[in-house]
Amino acid sequence: MLEKIFSSSTIPLLNRAMDVASDRDTIIADNIANEDTPNFKRRELIFEEKLKKVLDSQTNHGKLSISNPRHIQIGGVSSWQDLQPELIRVNDESYRNDGNNVDIDVEMAKRTKNELYYDTLAQSMSHEIKLLRLAITGRS
């Protein structure tokens, strides 16, 4: 029964995005903690760009659709459920003599942006649950 209620992809997608935002916060905190570590290279978590590509490819604007699991997958990942965030080490130039490329101001700005993103996702999740409650009980 609950599978049918949560069959819409909105709530699981919001949940996944919140998990990724939480993981990103941990990585940014690690970058900040290693600001003074010689030869440390900052890391980033890539997810939203990949998610956008998958969601764009799922819209049927004259593109091939897969109606059977035995069909050949074109373009790699076929759905957002199969998508994994990618952790990359950024080896760009260091502005410091010790080889560390962490800029504390940039990392703090990224952390603030990520916190706002997480809060927005949490509000969206709350709204979806309120809509679900309204559909079930008939009152908000």
Protein backbone atom coordinates (compact mmCIF):
# COMPACT_ATOMS: atom_id res chain seq x y z
CA MET A 1 0.00 0.00 0.00
CA LEU A 2 2.71 2.50 0.96
CA GLU A 3 4.59 1.71 -2.25
CA LYS A 4 1.66 3.10 -4.22
CA ILE A 5 1.53 6.26 -2.11
CA PHE A 6 5.23 6.90 -2.55
CA SER A 7 5.34 5.78 -6.19
CA SER A 8 5.76 9.40 -7.24
CA SER A 9 9.43 10.16 -7.66
CA THR A 10 9.27 13.56 -5.96
CA ILE A 11 9.72 12.47 -2.35
CA PRO A 12 12.49 9.91 -3.03
CA LEU A 13 14.27 12.41 -5.30
CA LEU A 14 14.13 15.12 -2.61
CA ASN A 15 15.38 12.59 -0.07
CA ARG A 16 18.31 11.64 -2.31
CA ALA A 17 19.19 15.28 -2.96
CA MET A 18 19.14 15.97 0.81
CA ASP A 19 21.50 13.03 1.39
CA VAL A 20 23.90 14.38 -1.23
CA ALA A 21 23.74 17.88 0.28
CA SER A 22 24.56 16.39 3.68
CA ASP A 23 27.52 14.50 2.21
CA ARG A 24 28.68 17.67 0.46
CA ASP A 25 28.60 19.53 3.78
CA THR A 26 30.90 16.90 5.29
CA ILE A 27 33.33 17.25 2.39
CA ILE A 28 33.35 21.05 2.60
CA ALA A 29 33.95 20.82 6.36
CA ASP A 30 36.88 18.49 5.66
CA ASN A 31 38.29 20.99 3.18
CA ILE A 32 38.00 23.76 5.77
CA ALA A 33 39.60 21.60 8.46
CA ASN A 34 42.58 20.93 6.18
CA GLU A 35 43.14 24.56 5.24
CA ASP A 36 46.64 24.51 6.77
CA THR A 37 47.64 20.98 5.72
CA PRO A 38 50.57 21.07 3.27
CA ASN A 39 49.84 19.57 -0.18
CA PHE A 40 46.15 19.02 0.64
CA LYS A 41 43.90 19.29 -2.42
CA ARG A 42 40.28 20.25 -1.92
CA ARG A 43 37.49 17.89 -2.92
CA GLU A 44 34.05 18.45 -4.40
CA LEU A 45 30.94 16.33 -4.76
CA ILE A 46 29.32 16.43 -8.22
CA PHE A 47 25.68 15.41 -8.42
CA GLU A 48 23.28 18.11 -9.58
CA GLU A 49 24.83 18.48 -13.04
CA LYS A 50 24.63 14.72 -13.61
CA LEU A 51 21.06 14.65 -12.26
CA LYS A 52 20.01 17.43 -14.63
CA LYS A 53 21.41 15.50 -17.60
CA VAL A 54 19.54 12.34 -16.61
CA LEU A 55 16.26 14.17 -16.00
CA ASP A 56 16.61 16.07 -19.29
CA SER A 57 17.26 12.82 -21.15
CA GLN A 58 14.08 11.30 -19.67
CA THR A 59 11.84 13.89 -21.27
CA ASN A 60 10.50 12.58 -24.57
CA HIS A 61 11.36 15.25 -27.11
CA GLY A 62 11.91 12.92 -30.05
CA LYS A 63 14.45 10.86 -28.14
CA LEU A 64 14.54 7.11 -27.74
CA SER A 65 12.66 5.65 -24.82
CA ILE A 66 13.29 2.31 -23.17
CA SER A 67 10.19 0.20 -22.72
CA ASN A 68 11.87 -3.07 -21.79
CA PRO A 69 14.75 -3.69 -19.35
CA ARG A 70 16.51 -5.75 -22.04
CA HIS A 71 16.77 -2.75 -24.36
CA ILE A 72 20.21 -1.24 -24.82
CA GLN A 73 20.75 1.75 -22.56
CA ILE A 74 21.90 4.79 -24.52
CA GLY A 75 23.81 7.48 -22.68
CA GLY A 76 24.82 5.56 -19.57
CA VAL A 77 22.52 5.99 -16.56
CA SER A 78 18.85 5.48 -17.40
CA SER A 79 17.22 6.91 -14.27
CA TRP A 80 18.11 9.15 -11.37
CA GLN A 81 17.84 6.18 -8.97
CA ASP A 82 20.95 4.68 -10.62
CA LEU A 83 22.88 7.94 -10.39
CA GLN A 84 25.75 8.14 -7.90
CA PRO A 85 27.41 11.36 -6.73
CA GLU A 86 31.00 11.71 -7.90
CA LEU A 87 33.73 12.75 -5.47
CA ILE A 88 36.54 14.55 -7.28
CA ARG A 89 39.85 15.91 -6.08
CA VAL A 90 40.49 19.36 -7.53
CA ASN A 91 44.13 19.62 -8.56
CA ASP A 92 44.06 23.19 -9.79
CA GLU A 93 46.88 25.59 -9.14
CA SER A 94 47.72 26.43 -5.59
CA TYR A 95 48.11 30.04 -4.59
CA ARG A 96 50.24 29.06 -1.64
CA ASN A 97 53.80 27.80 -1.39
CA ASP A 98 52.86 24.65 0.55
CA GLY A 99 50.78 23.15 -2.30
CA ASN A 100 47.44 23.50 -0.51
CA ASN A 101 44.65 24.82 -2.75
CA VAL A 102 41.95 25.46 -0.13
CA ASP A 103 40.63 29.02 -0.10
CA ILE A 104 38.76 29.47 3.17
CA ASP A 105 36.54 32.26 1.80
CA VAL A 106 35.46 30.15 -1.18
CA GLU A 107 34.80 27.11 1.01
CA MET A 108 32.72 29.14 3.48
CA ALA A 109 30.67 30.56 0.60
CA LYS A 110 30.14 27.02 -0.77
CA ARG A 111 29.08 25.85 2.67
CA THR A 112 26.56 28.67 3.00
CA LYS A 113 25.19 27.94 -0.48
CA ASN A 114 24.91 24.24 0.38
CA GLU A 115 23.08 25.02 3.64
CA LEU A 116 20.56 27.18 1.75
CA TYR A 117 20.15 24.39 -0.81
CA TYR A 118 19.53 21.83 1.95
CA ASP A 119 17.02 24.11 3.68
CA THR A 120 15.16 24.60 0.39
CA LEU A 121 15.04 20.84 -0.15
CA ALA A 122 13.76 20.35 3.41
CA GLN A 123 10.99 22.91 2.83
CA SER A 124 10.04 21.19 -0.42
CA MET A 125 9.93 17.83 1.37
CA SER A 126 7.73 19.33 4.09
CA HIS A 127 5.39 20.72 1.42
CA GLU A 128 5.15 17.34 -0.32
CA ILE A 129 4.31 15.62 2.98
CA LYS A 130 1.65 18.24 3.73
CA LEU A 131 0.10 17.59 0.31
CA LEU A 132 0.16 13.87 0.99
CA ARG A 133 -1.48 14.40 4.41
CA LEU A 134 -4.13 16.61 2.77
CA ALA A 135 -4.86 13.90 0.19
CA ILE A 136 -5.21 11.23 2.89
CA THR A 137 -7.12 13.11 5.61
CA GLY A 138 -8.83 15.84 3.61
CA ARG A 139 -7.49 18.57 5.92
CA SER A 140 -4.13 20.20 6.32
